[in-house]
Amino acid sequence: MLDVSDLAVSFGEQSVVSGVGFSVDRGSLVGLVGPNGAGKTTVLRAVKGTLDPDRGTVRVGGEPISDRSAKAVSRLVASTPQGTALSFDFSVRQTVEMGRTPHLGRFDRMDEDDRNAVETAMERASVTQFADRPFTSLSGGERQRVLLARALAQETPVLLLDEPTASLDINHAVRTLELVRTLVEDGKTAVAAIHDLNLAARYCDELVLLAGGGIRAAGRPADVLTSDTLRDAFDAETLVTTQPGTDAPLVTPLADREAVDRRIHVVGTGKPAASAVSTLVGAGCRVSVGVVPAGDIAAERAQDLGCETVTVPAFAGIDDAARERAAELARAADAVVIAGETGDGNRPVVEAGGTCLAVEADESAPMSNGRDAVPMAALPTAVASLPPAAKRDATPSLNQSTTD
């Protein structure tokens, strides 16, 4: 439905994007992501025909938009802008009615079909209750939804959205993207510039990552949002795992800090253990996990991050082979970290290690296994302060008294 080929745009001597090309099938949502100033809005402006590119072609339904009038393009492509200002103080209904302009002649008045399109658009964007209010009386998020309704009223096959969730609270951001997904499933083609990588990963079929004037990566969210690619595009360190209940990537930015070169074995289950694994891997530790039930969130998180994980079937006991392998990993580690429930079957694993730290995701929770708990946020610092196993020699472990 939409094909962008070899697009190049510059302002004066400054090149903004060059060699940008991607295609969007009917019934698909493609997200444009990238750092500020990467050219996402510029690409959208070229696609909707309000900016003439220096080079390249934009085709809708196989036909170049450069061969069509502005009004004809507006019957094919609708858009929501990043800004929400209007030059005049129109009511919400009047603002949404502007979406019907491409379908009306110079002296035509709206008919019943036009009015139905306006009412349907307002209902879908959840702005019907604002119909008679001045547009300028609304909050930024409410204005964003009205402009989405205006775009829906155009009834075009292609929808372009420039930061559609930027002014919205999380509830309306999710509802907006759920609406876009519904439109896509009904056959509409959509392209959205989205600042939030995790929302983009969850709702988009494919992503196009723009940075440095061109495309750095394109494809499925899981293929685009990798730590290496994000480091290249954003010059930032990230931890990429999986969003709970989906196969979409979860991107967590990491503070700049020196990597903690420690080998850590994590014993525990559930969210505390999963958080400990993410925190430690993000800090640069080499992490192993187990014994943990297969399917537990801690096991899935560890496997997502490439950590060696010793698992047993859910609701099954810990067999000797699994216990011994986990104990070997604990003995080889600089420290064993206990996070969440461990069960009696993991006691030999904990005892096989030397230094032992307990961690709690909730600082108000009871201490784990009777040991003083390290807050999750302080875990990297606590681990970094430990000497590597090869240098500890006979140093007593932290869970033993010096008189043992």
Protein backbone atom coordinates (compact mmCIF):
# COMPACT_ATOMS: atom_id res chain seq x y z
CA MET A 1 0.00 0.00 0.00
CA LEU A 2 2.86 2.40 0.85
CA ASP A 3 6.32 2.35 -0.69
CA VAL A 4 9.10 4.83 0.10
CA SER A 5 12.14 4.56 -2.14
CA ASP A 6 15.58 6.25 -1.83
CA LEU A 7 14.18 9.27 0.02
CA ALA A 8 16.58 12.16 0.62
CA VAL A 9 15.74 15.50 2.27
CA SER A 10 18.02 18.42 3.14
CA PHE A 11 17.45 21.92 4.44
CA GLY A 12 19.98 24.22 2.82
CA GLU A 13 23.37 22.60 3.16
CA GLN A 14 22.21 20.33 5.98
CA SER A 15 21.25 16.80 4.97
CA VAL A 16 18.51 15.40 7.22
CA VAL A 17 17.93 11.94 5.74
CA SER A 18 19.33 10.13 2.74
CA GLY A 19 18.67 6.77 1.11
CA VAL A 20 15.59 6.05 3.23
CA GLY A 21 13.40 3.29 1.85
CA PHE A 22 10.74 1.00 3.31
CA SER A 23 7.43 -0.59 2.37
CA VAL A 24 4.25 -1.06 4.38
CA ASP A 25 1.69 -3.71 3.48
CA ARG A 26 -2.03 -3.13 3.74
CA GLY A 27 -3.14 -3.95 7.28
CA SER A 28 0.25 -3.29 8.88
CA LEU A 29 1.60 -0.82 11.44
CA VAL A 30 5.20 0.28 11.00
CA GLY A 31 6.92 2.36 13.67
CA LEU A 32 9.58 4.96 12.97
CA VAL A 33 11.94 5.08 15.96
CA GLY A 34 15.22 6.78 16.65
CA PRO A 35 16.89 9.56 18.63
CA ASN A 36 15.72 13.16 18.57
CA GLY A 37 16.64 14.85 15.30
CA ALA A 38 16.92 11.57 13.40
CA GLY A 39 14.41 12.71 10.76
CA LYS A 40 11.26 10.84 11.74
CA THR A 41 8.96 13.85 11.31
CA THR A 42 10.74 14.82 8.08
CA VAL A 43 10.07 11.39 6.61
CA LEU A 44 6.39 11.59 7.57
CA ARG A 45 6.07 15.04 5.98
CA ALA A 46 7.56 13.71 2.75
CA VAL A 47 5.23 10.71 2.79
CA LYS A 48 2.12 12.87 3.17
CA GLY A 49 3.28 15.21 0.41
CA THR A 50 3.71 18.43 2.39
CA LEU A 51 7.49 18.37 1.90
CA ASP A 52 9.15 17.89 -1.48
CA PRO A 53 12.16 15.56 -1.13
CA ASP A 54 15.43 16.26 -2.90
CA ARG A 55 15.36 12.71 -4.21
CA GLY A 56 13.22 9.64 -3.98
CA THR A 57 9.68 8.48 -4.60
CA VAL A 58 6.65 7.90 -2.39
CA ARG A 59 3.97 5.60 -3.81
CA VAL A 60 0.53 4.90 -2.39
CA GLY A 61 -1.28 1.98 -3.95
CA GLY A 62 1.48 1.81 -6.55
CA GLU A 63 1.03 5.40 -7.76
CA PRO A 64 3.55 8.20 -7.04
CA ILE A 65 1.97 10.92 -4.92
CA SER A 66 4.01 13.52 -6.84
CA ASP A 67 1.64 12.96 -9.78
CA ARG A 68 -1.43 13.85 -7.70
CA SER A 69 -2.92 17.09 -6.42
CA ALA A 70 -2.74 17.94 -2.74
CA LYS A 71 -6.46 17.24 -2.40
CA ALA A 72 -6.11 13.85 -4.09
CA VAL A 73 -3.23 12.92 -1.77
CA SER A 74 -5.40 13.94 1.21
CA ARG A 75 -7.95 11.35 0.15
CA LEU A 76 -5.21 8.71 0.38
CA VAL A 77 -3.12 9.81 3.36
CA ALA A 78 -4.30 11.31 6.66
CA SER A 79 -1.99 12.43 9.43
CA THR A 80 -1.83 13.67 12.99
CA PRO A 81 0.81 16.33 13.71
CA GLN A 82 3.19 16.41 16.63
CA GLY A 83 1.97 19.87 17.68
CA THR A 84 -1.62 20.48 18.76
CA ALA A 85 -2.06 24.21 18.06
CA LEU A 86 -4.78 25.60 15.77
CA SER A 87 -4.89 29.09 14.29
CA PHE A 88 -8.56 29.69 15.15
CA ASP A 89 -10.78 28.77 18.09
CA PHE A 90 -12.91 26.06 16.51
CA SER A 91 -15.11 23.68 18.45
CA VAL A 92 -14.09 20.05 18.67
CA ARG A 93 -16.81 19.03 16.23
CA GLN A 94 -15.72 21.69 13.73
CA THR A 95 -12.13 20.52 14.05
CA VAL A 96 -13.06 16.92 13.29
CA GLU A 97 -15.28 18.04 10.40
CA MET A 98 -12.16 19.47 8.74
CA GLY A 99 -11.22 15.87 8.03
CA ARG A 100 -14.02 15.72 5.44
CA THR A 101 -12.58 18.62 3.38
CA PRO A 102 -10.76 16.39 0.84
CA HIS A 103 -14.07 14.70 0.01
CA LEU A 104 -16.03 17.93 -0.60
CA GLY A 105 -16.15 20.24 -3.57
CA ARG A 106 -15.48 23.95 -3.19
CA PHE A 107 -19.10 24.82 -2.50
CA ASP A 108 -20.32 21.46 -1.19
CA ARG A 109 -21.92 21.03 2.21
CA MET A 110 -21.59 17.92 4.30
CA ASP A 111 -24.22 15.25 3.70
CA GLU A 112 -25.36 12.41 5.92
CA ASP A 113 -22.38 10.21 5.01
CA ASP A 114 -19.98 12.99 6.01
CA ARG A 115 -21.77 13.57 9.31
CA ASN A 116 -21.73 9.83 10.05
CA ALA A 117 -17.99 9.73 9.36
CA VAL A 118 -17.44 12.60 11.81
CA GLU A 119 -19.56 11.02 14.55
CA THR A 120 -17.86 7.65 14.11
CA ALA A 121 -14.40 9.24 14.24
CA MET A 122 -15.20 11.16 17.43
CA GLU A 123 -16.60 8.05 19.06
CA ARG A 124 -13.59 5.91 18.15
CA ALA A 125 -11.16 8.54 19.46
CA SER A 126 -13.25 9.00 22.65
CA VAL A 127 -13.83 12.74 22.16
CA THR A 128 -17.62 12.81 21.67
CA GLN A 129 -18.07 14.29 25.13
CA PHE A 130 -15.97 17.30 24.04
CA ALA A 131 -17.93 17.93 20.82
CA ASP A 132 -19.19 21.43 21.66
CA ARG A 133 -16.19 22.63 23.64
CA PRO A 134 -13.60 25.01 22.14
CA PHE A 135 -10.52 23.13 20.96
CA THR A 136 -8.30 25.55 22.89
CA SER A 137 -10.02 24.67 26.18
CA LEU A 138 -8.71 21.10 26.05
CA SER A 139 -5.56 19.66 27.57
CA GLY A 140 -2.68 18.62 25.33
CA GLY A 141 -3.67 14.96 25.51
CA GLU A 142 -7.31 15.72 24.72
CA ARG A 143 -6.26 17.84 21.74
CA GLN A 144 -4.12 14.95 20.50
CA ARG A 145 -7.15 12.68 20.51
CA VAL A 146 -9.25 15.27 18.65
CA LEU A 147 -6.61 15.53 15.92
CA LEU A 148 -6.63 11.74 15.67
CA ALA A 149 -10.41 11.89 15.23
CA ARG A 150 -9.93 14.46 12.46
CA ALA A 151 -7.55 12.10 10.67
CA LEU A 152 -9.97 9.19 11.08
CA ALA A 153 -12.77 11.31 9.59
CA GLN A 154 -10.74 11.57 6.36
CA GLU A 155 -11.34 7.84 5.82
CA THR A 156 -8.04 7.30 4.01
CA PRO A 157 -6.32 3.96 3.42
CA VAL A 158 -3.05 5.29 4.91
CA LEU A 159 -2.70 6.88 8.36
CA LEU A 160 0.44 8.70 9.52
CA LEU A 161 0.93 9.51 13.21
CA ASP A 162 3.68 11.79 14.50
CA GLU A 163 4.29 10.98 18.19
CA PRO A 164 0.62 10.07 18.77
CA THR A 165 1.16 9.25 22.46
CA ALA A 166 3.53 12.11 23.39
CA SER A 167 0.96 14.15 25.36
CA LEU A 168 -1.09 11.23 26.65
CA ASP A 169 -1.12 9.53 30.04
CA ILE A 170 -0.38 5.82 29.98
CA ASN A 171 -4.07 4.88 29.92
CA HIS A 172 -4.87 6.97 26.85
CA ALA A 173 -1.54 6.11 25.20
CA VAL A 174 -2.42 2.43 25.36
CA ARG A 175 -6.01 3.08 24.26
CA THR A 176 -4.78 5.12 21.29
CA LEU A 177 -2.42 2.41 20.09
CA GLU A 178 -5.05 -0.26 20.70
CA LEU A 179 -7.36 1.80 18.44
CA VAL A 180 -4.66 2.02 15.78
CA ARG A 181 -4.18 -1.76 16.01
CA THR A 182 -7.95 -2.22 15.49
CA LEU A 183 -7.85 0.05 12.43
CA VAL A 184 -4.90 -1.90 11.04
CA GLU A 185 -6.67 -5.20 11.58
CA ASP A 186 -9.58 -3.73 9.61
CA GLY A 187 -7.24 -3.11 6.67
CA LYS A 188 -5.80 0.37 7.22
CA THR A 189 -2.10 0.96 6.67
CA ALA A 190 -0.36 2.98 9.40
CA VAL A 191 3.06 4.51 10.01
CA ALA A 192 3.79 6.07 13.41
CA ALA A 193 6.78 7.95 14.73
CA ILE A 194 6.96 6.74 18.32
CA HIS A 195 9.35 7.95 21.00
CA ASP A 196 8.62 5.15 23.48
CA LEU A 197 10.53 2.09 22.28
CA ASN A 198 8.57 -0.31 24.47
CA LEU A 199 5.19 0.87 23.17
CA ALA A 200 6.57 0.69 19.63
CA ALA A 201 7.80 -2.85 20.23
CA ARG A 202 4.47 -3.97 21.62
CA TYR A 203 2.13 -2.52 18.99
CA CYS A 204 4.09 -2.30 15.74
CA ASP A 205 4.44 -5.13 13.23
CA GLU A 206 7.80 -3.78 12.08
CA LEU A 207 10.16 -0.97 13.07
CA VAL A 208 12.39 1.33 11.03
CA LEU A 209 15.25 2.70 13.15
CA LEU A 210 16.52 6.07 11.91
CA ALA A 211 19.80 7.56 13.11
CA GLY A 212 22.64 9.55 11.62
CA GLY A 213 20.66 10.51 8.53
CA GLY A 214 19.65 7.01 7.44
CA ILE A 215 18.19 3.65 8.39
CA ARG A 216 20.28 1.72 10.92
CA ALA A 217 17.95 -1.28 11.16
CA ALA A 218 14.52 -2.40 9.94
CA GLY A 219 12.36 -5.44 10.54
CA ARG A 220 10.59 -7.17 13.40
CA PRO A 221 10.89 -5.36 16.75
CA ALA A 222 12.89 -8.24 18.22
CA ASP A 223 15.42 -7.96 15.38
CA VAL A 224 15.71 -4.17 15.54
CA LEU A 225 15.75 -3.50 19.27
CA THR A 226 18.99 -5.17 20.30
CA SER A 227 21.54 -3.77 22.72
CA ASP A 228 24.18 -3.46 19.98
CA THR A 229 21.86 -1.67 17.57
CA LEU A 230 20.57 0.71 20.24
CA ARG A 231 24.11 1.48 21.37
CA ASP A 232 24.98 2.39 17.77
CA ALA A 233 21.85 4.52 17.23
CA PHE A 234 21.39 6.19 20.62
CA ASP A 235 24.93 6.01 22.04
CA ALA A 236 23.41 4.47 25.14
CA GLU A 237 23.71 1.22 27.04
CA THR A 238 20.49 -0.78 27.32
CA LEU A 239 19.28 -4.07 28.67
CA VAL A 240 16.87 -5.84 26.30
CA THR A 241 14.59 -8.52 27.72
CA THR A 242 10.99 -9.53 26.93
CA GLN A 243 7.78 -7.76 27.94
CA PRO A 244 5.73 -9.99 30.26
CA GLY A 245 3.00 -11.92 28.48
CA THR A 246 4.31 -11.08 25.00
CA ASP A 247 7.28 -11.76 22.74
CA ALA A 248 7.90 -8.00 22.35
CA PRO A 249 11.29 -6.65 23.48
CA LEU A 250 11.52 -4.69 26.72
CA VAL A 251 14.21 -2.00 26.58
CA THR A 252 15.66 -0.75 29.87
CA PRO A 253 18.23 2.08 29.72
CA LEU A 254 21.28 1.60 31.91
CA ALA A 255 23.22 4.32 33.66
CA ASP A 256 26.79 4.82 32.48
CA ARG A 257 29.04 2.93 34.85
CA GLU A 258 32.05 0.67 34.80
CA ALA A 259 31.10 -2.95 34.19
CA VAL A 260 31.15 -5.22 37.24
CA ASP A 261 33.31 -8.18 36.26
CA ARG A 262 31.92 -10.80 38.61
CA ARG A 263 30.50 -14.27 38.15
CA ILE A 264 27.21 -14.53 40.08
CA HIS A 265 24.88 -17.47 40.63
CA VAL A 266 21.24 -16.54 41.39
CA VAL A 267 19.00 -18.81 43.43
CA GLY A 268 15.32 -17.96 43.66
CA THR A 269 12.07 -17.67 41.73
CA GLY A 270 9.52 -15.13 40.55
CA LYS A 271 9.89 -11.41 40.00
CA PRO A 272 12.61 -10.86 42.65
CA ALA A 273 14.90 -13.39 40.98
CA ALA A 274 14.05 -12.11 37.49
CA SER A 275 14.83 -8.54 38.60
CA ALA A 276 18.10 -9.67 40.16
CA VAL A 277 19.12 -11.38 36.93
CA SER A 278 18.31 -8.28 34.85
CA THR A 279 20.12 -5.99 37.30
CA LEU A 280 23.24 -8.13 37.42
CA VAL A 281 23.44 -8.70 33.66
CA GLY A 282 22.89 -4.99 33.12
CA ALA A 283 25.82 -4.28 35.44
CA GLY A 284 28.09 -6.51 33.36
CA CYS A 285 28.11 -9.61 35.56
CA ARG A 286 28.28 -13.16 34.19
CA VAL A 287 25.16 -14.74 35.62
CA SER A 288 23.87 -18.29 36.05
CA VAL A 289 20.58 -19.34 37.62
CA GLY A 290 19.10 -22.40 39.28
CA VAL A 291 17.63 -24.65 40.25
CA VAL A 292 14.38 -22.99 39.08
CA PRO A 293 11.10 -24.40 37.69
CA ALA A 294 10.79 -24.31 33.92
CA GLY A 295 8.44 -21.53 32.86
CA ASP A 296 9.12 -19.41 35.93
CA ILE A 297 9.65 -15.75 35.06
CA ALA A 298 13.18 -15.95 36.44
CA ALA A 299 14.02 -18.86 34.14
CA GLU A 300 12.53 -17.08 31.12
CA ARG A 301 14.39 -13.85 31.91
CA ALA A 302 17.68 -15.69 32.35
CA GLN A 303 17.24 -17.58 29.09
CA ASP A 304 16.33 -14.34 27.26
CA LEU A 305 19.63 -12.88 28.47
CA GLY A 306 21.70 -15.91 27.53
CA CYS A 307 22.44 -17.00 31.11
CA GLU A 308 23.08 -20.66 31.87
CA THR A 309 19.91 -21.82 33.63
CA VAL A 310 19.37 -25.07 35.50
CA THR A 311 15.66 -25.95 35.39
CA VAL A 312 13.37 -28.79 36.44
CA PRO A 313 9.76 -29.36 35.33
CA ALA A 314 7.22 -27.20 37.11
CA PHE A 315 5.84 -28.79 40.31
CA ALA A 316 8.54 -31.47 40.18
CA GLY A 317 11.19 -31.95 42.82
CA ILE A 318 14.85 -31.10 42.28
CA ASP A 319 16.67 -34.18 41.02
CA ASP A 320 20.29 -34.97 41.87
CA ALA A 321 21.65 -34.06 38.44
CA ALA A 322 20.06 -30.60 38.45
CA ARG A 323 21.15 -29.95 42.04
CA GLU A 324 24.73 -30.97 41.35
CA ARG A 325 25.00 -28.81 38.20
CA ALA A 326 23.62 -25.79 40.05
CA ALA A 327 26.03 -26.45 42.93
CA GLU A 328 28.93 -26.52 40.45
CA LEU A 329 27.87 -23.11 39.13
CA ALA A 330 27.57 -21.78 42.67
CA ARG A 331 31.06 -23.03 43.58
CA ALA A 332 32.51 -21.35 40.49
CA ALA A 333 30.78 -18.03 41.22
CA ASP A 334 32.19 -15.05 43.09
CA ALA A 335 28.92 -14.91 45.02
CA VAL A 336 25.52 -16.55 45.32
CA VAL A 337 22.59 -14.13 45.29
CA ILE A 338 19.34 -15.27 46.91
CA ALA A 339 16.25 -13.55 45.51
CA GLY A 340 12.72 -14.59 46.36
CA GLU A 341 11.75 -18.13 47.38
CA THR A 342 14.46 -20.78 47.14
CA GLY A 343 12.91 -23.91 48.69
CA ASP A 344 14.69 -26.52 50.78
CA GLY A 345 15.84 -28.36 47.65
CA ASN A 346 18.20 -25.48 46.81
CA ARG A 347 19.87 -25.41 50.23
CA PRO A 348 22.87 -27.50 49.02
CA VAL A 349 23.26 -25.08 46.09
CA VAL A 350 23.38 -22.07 48.41
CA GLU A 351 25.80 -23.85 50.74
CA ALA A 352 28.05 -24.79 47.82
CA GLY A 353 28.85 -21.14 47.20
CA GLY A 354 31.18 -19.00 49.22
CA THR A 355 29.97 -15.44 49.61
CA CYS A 356 26.19 -15.17 49.81
CA LEU A 357 24.00 -12.07 49.42
CA ALA A 358 20.24 -11.91 49.91
CA VAL A 359 18.30 -9.35 47.90
CA GLU A 360 14.75 -8.07 48.16
CA ALA A 361 12.93 -6.14 45.44
CA ASP A 362 10.73 -4.62 48.14
CA GLU A 363 12.82 -3.10 50.92
CA SER A 364 9.90 -3.41 53.33
CA ALA A 365 9.64 -7.18 52.76
CA PRO A 366 10.96 -9.64 55.36
CA MET A 367 14.61 -10.55 55.16
CA SER A 368 15.26 -13.51 52.85
CA ASN A 369 16.29 -16.68 54.65
CA GLY A 370 17.10 -14.71 57.79
CA ARG A 371 19.98 -12.84 56.15
CA ASP A 372 20.33 -9.09 55.93
CA ALA A 373 18.87 -8.13 52.56
CA VAL A 374 20.53 -5.83 50.03
CA PRO A 375 18.09 -3.47 48.25
CA MET A 376 17.78 -4.35 44.56
CA ALA A 377 19.08 -0.93 43.47
CA ALA A 378 22.22 -1.44 45.58
CA LEU A 379 22.95 -4.95 44.30
CA PRO A 380 25.52 -3.96 41.62
CA THR A 381 27.45 -1.89 44.18
CA ALA A 382 27.36 -4.71 46.73
CA VAL A 383 28.60 -7.22 44.16
CA ALA A 384 31.30 -4.87 42.85
CA SER A 385 32.70 -4.51 46.39
CA LEU A 386 33.31 -8.26 46.65
CA PRO A 387 36.75 -9.62 45.75
CA PRO A 388 36.78 -12.09 42.86
CA ALA A 389 36.65 -15.72 43.98
CA ALA A 390 40.26 -16.36 42.91
CA LYS A 391 41.43 -13.58 45.28
CA ARG A 392 39.28 -14.43 48.29
CA ASP A 393 41.31 -17.44 49.33
CA ALA A 394 40.22 -18.19 52.90
CA THR A 395 38.18 -15.01 53.44
CA PRO A 396 35.06 -15.97 55.46
CA SER A 397 31.82 -15.80 53.52
CA LEU A 398 29.38 -13.02 54.41
CA ASN A 399 26.84 -15.47 55.81
CA GLN A 400 29.30 -17.00 58.27
CA SER A 401 30.70 -15.62 61.52
CA THR A 402 34.44 -15.16 61.73
CA THR A 403 34.56 -17.64 64.61
CA ASP A 404 33.25 -20.59 62.50
